[in-house]
Protein backbone atom coordinates (compact mmCIF):
# COMPACT_ATOMS: atom_id res chain seq x y z
CA MET A 1 37.09 21.47 63.28
CA THR A 2 34.61 22.20 66.04
CA ILE A 3 30.92 22.46 65.25
CA THR A 4 28.93 24.40 67.80
CA GLU A 5 25.19 24.37 68.25
CA PRO A 6 23.49 27.71 67.57
CA ARG A 7 22.24 29.69 70.51
CA TYR A 8 18.54 30.10 69.97
CA PHE A 9 17.20 33.58 70.54
CA HIS A 10 13.96 32.40 72.18
CA LEU A 11 16.01 30.62 74.88
CA MET A 12 18.04 33.70 75.86
CA PRO A 13 17.79 34.41 79.60
CA PRO A 14 16.03 37.72 80.40
CA GLY A 15 19.12 39.03 82.18
CA GLU A 16 21.25 38.55 79.08
CA TRP A 17 18.60 40.27 76.94
CA LYS A 18 18.59 43.30 79.27
CA ARG A 19 22.39 43.44 79.25
CA LEU A 20 22.56 43.34 75.45
CA CYS A 21 19.92 46.07 75.18
CA ALA A 22 21.85 48.26 77.61
CA GLU A 23 24.99 47.75 75.51
CA GLY A 24 23.13 48.85 72.37
CA THR A 25 23.49 45.53 70.58
CA THR A 26 21.78 45.56 67.18
CA TRP A 27 19.71 42.75 65.64
CA ARG A 28 22.49 42.08 63.16
CA GLY A 29 24.88 41.96 66.09
CA LEU A 30 22.80 39.21 67.68
CA GLN A 31 23.09 37.14 64.52
CA HIS A 32 26.85 37.67 64.42
CA MET A 33 27.00 36.52 68.05
CA GLY A 34 25.56 33.19 66.95
CA TYR A 35 21.91 33.64 67.87
CA ALA A 36 19.52 31.85 65.55
CA GLN A 37 15.81 31.61 64.99
CA PRO A 38 14.19 28.30 65.97
CA ASP A 39 14.52 25.37 63.56
CA TRP A 40 10.74 25.21 63.16
CA CYS A 41 10.53 28.83 61.98
CA SER A 42 10.61 29.44 58.22
CA TYR A 43 10.02 33.20 58.54
CA PRO A 44 12.71 34.86 56.38
CA ASP A 45 15.14 36.78 58.63
CA ALA A 46 12.92 36.25 61.67
CA LEU A 47 15.48 38.01 63.89
CA ASP A 48 15.43 41.20 61.83
CA GLY A 49 14.37 43.89 64.29
CA LEU A 50 12.29 45.87 61.79
CA MET A 51 10.64 43.26 59.58
CA GLY A 52 11.20 40.04 61.51
CA CYS A 53 8.85 37.98 63.63
CA TRP A 54 7.67 40.36 66.31
CA SER A 55 6.56 37.56 68.61
CA LEU A 56 10.09 36.20 68.49
CA ILE A 57 11.98 39.46 68.89
CA TYR A 58 9.72 40.65 71.71
CA GLN A 59 10.45 37.36 73.48
CA ARG A 60 6.89 36.05 73.45
CA VAL A 61 7.97 32.76 71.87
CA THR A 62 8.76 30.32 74.65
CA GLY A 63 8.78 27.15 72.59
CA GLU A 64 7.53 25.36 69.50
CA GLU A 65 3.95 25.10 70.79
CA TYR A 66 3.61 28.91 70.68
CA CYS A 67 4.30 28.93 66.93
CA LYS A 68 2.14 26.04 65.75
CA ASP A 69 -0.67 28.31 64.49
CA CYS A 70 1.72 30.49 62.46
CA ASP A 71 1.58 30.14 58.66
CA LEU A 72 5.38 29.94 58.63
CA TYR A 73 5.63 27.16 61.20
CA LYS A 74 7.59 24.20 59.87
CA PRO A 75 7.57 20.98 61.92
CA LYS A 76 11.09 19.79 62.75
CA ASP A 77 10.77 16.66 60.61
CA THR A 78 9.87 18.68 57.47
CA PRO A 79 12.78 19.15 55.00
């Protein structure tokens, strides 16, 4: 059994994002492709294109520091 690390959406290269948009990939499609929201994000369905975290889906999140003022920020060492 092989366990693979999730591909985090906020780390997606801009070129890949543009390619997926041009192909008409949906938000649900991104999740099926293995993209995940960051571990520190407790926003329910943060990658949902309609009701998700807009900062995340508009690629403003560049790392954990960006999210530290969010009410749904969860430090990595929090269960």
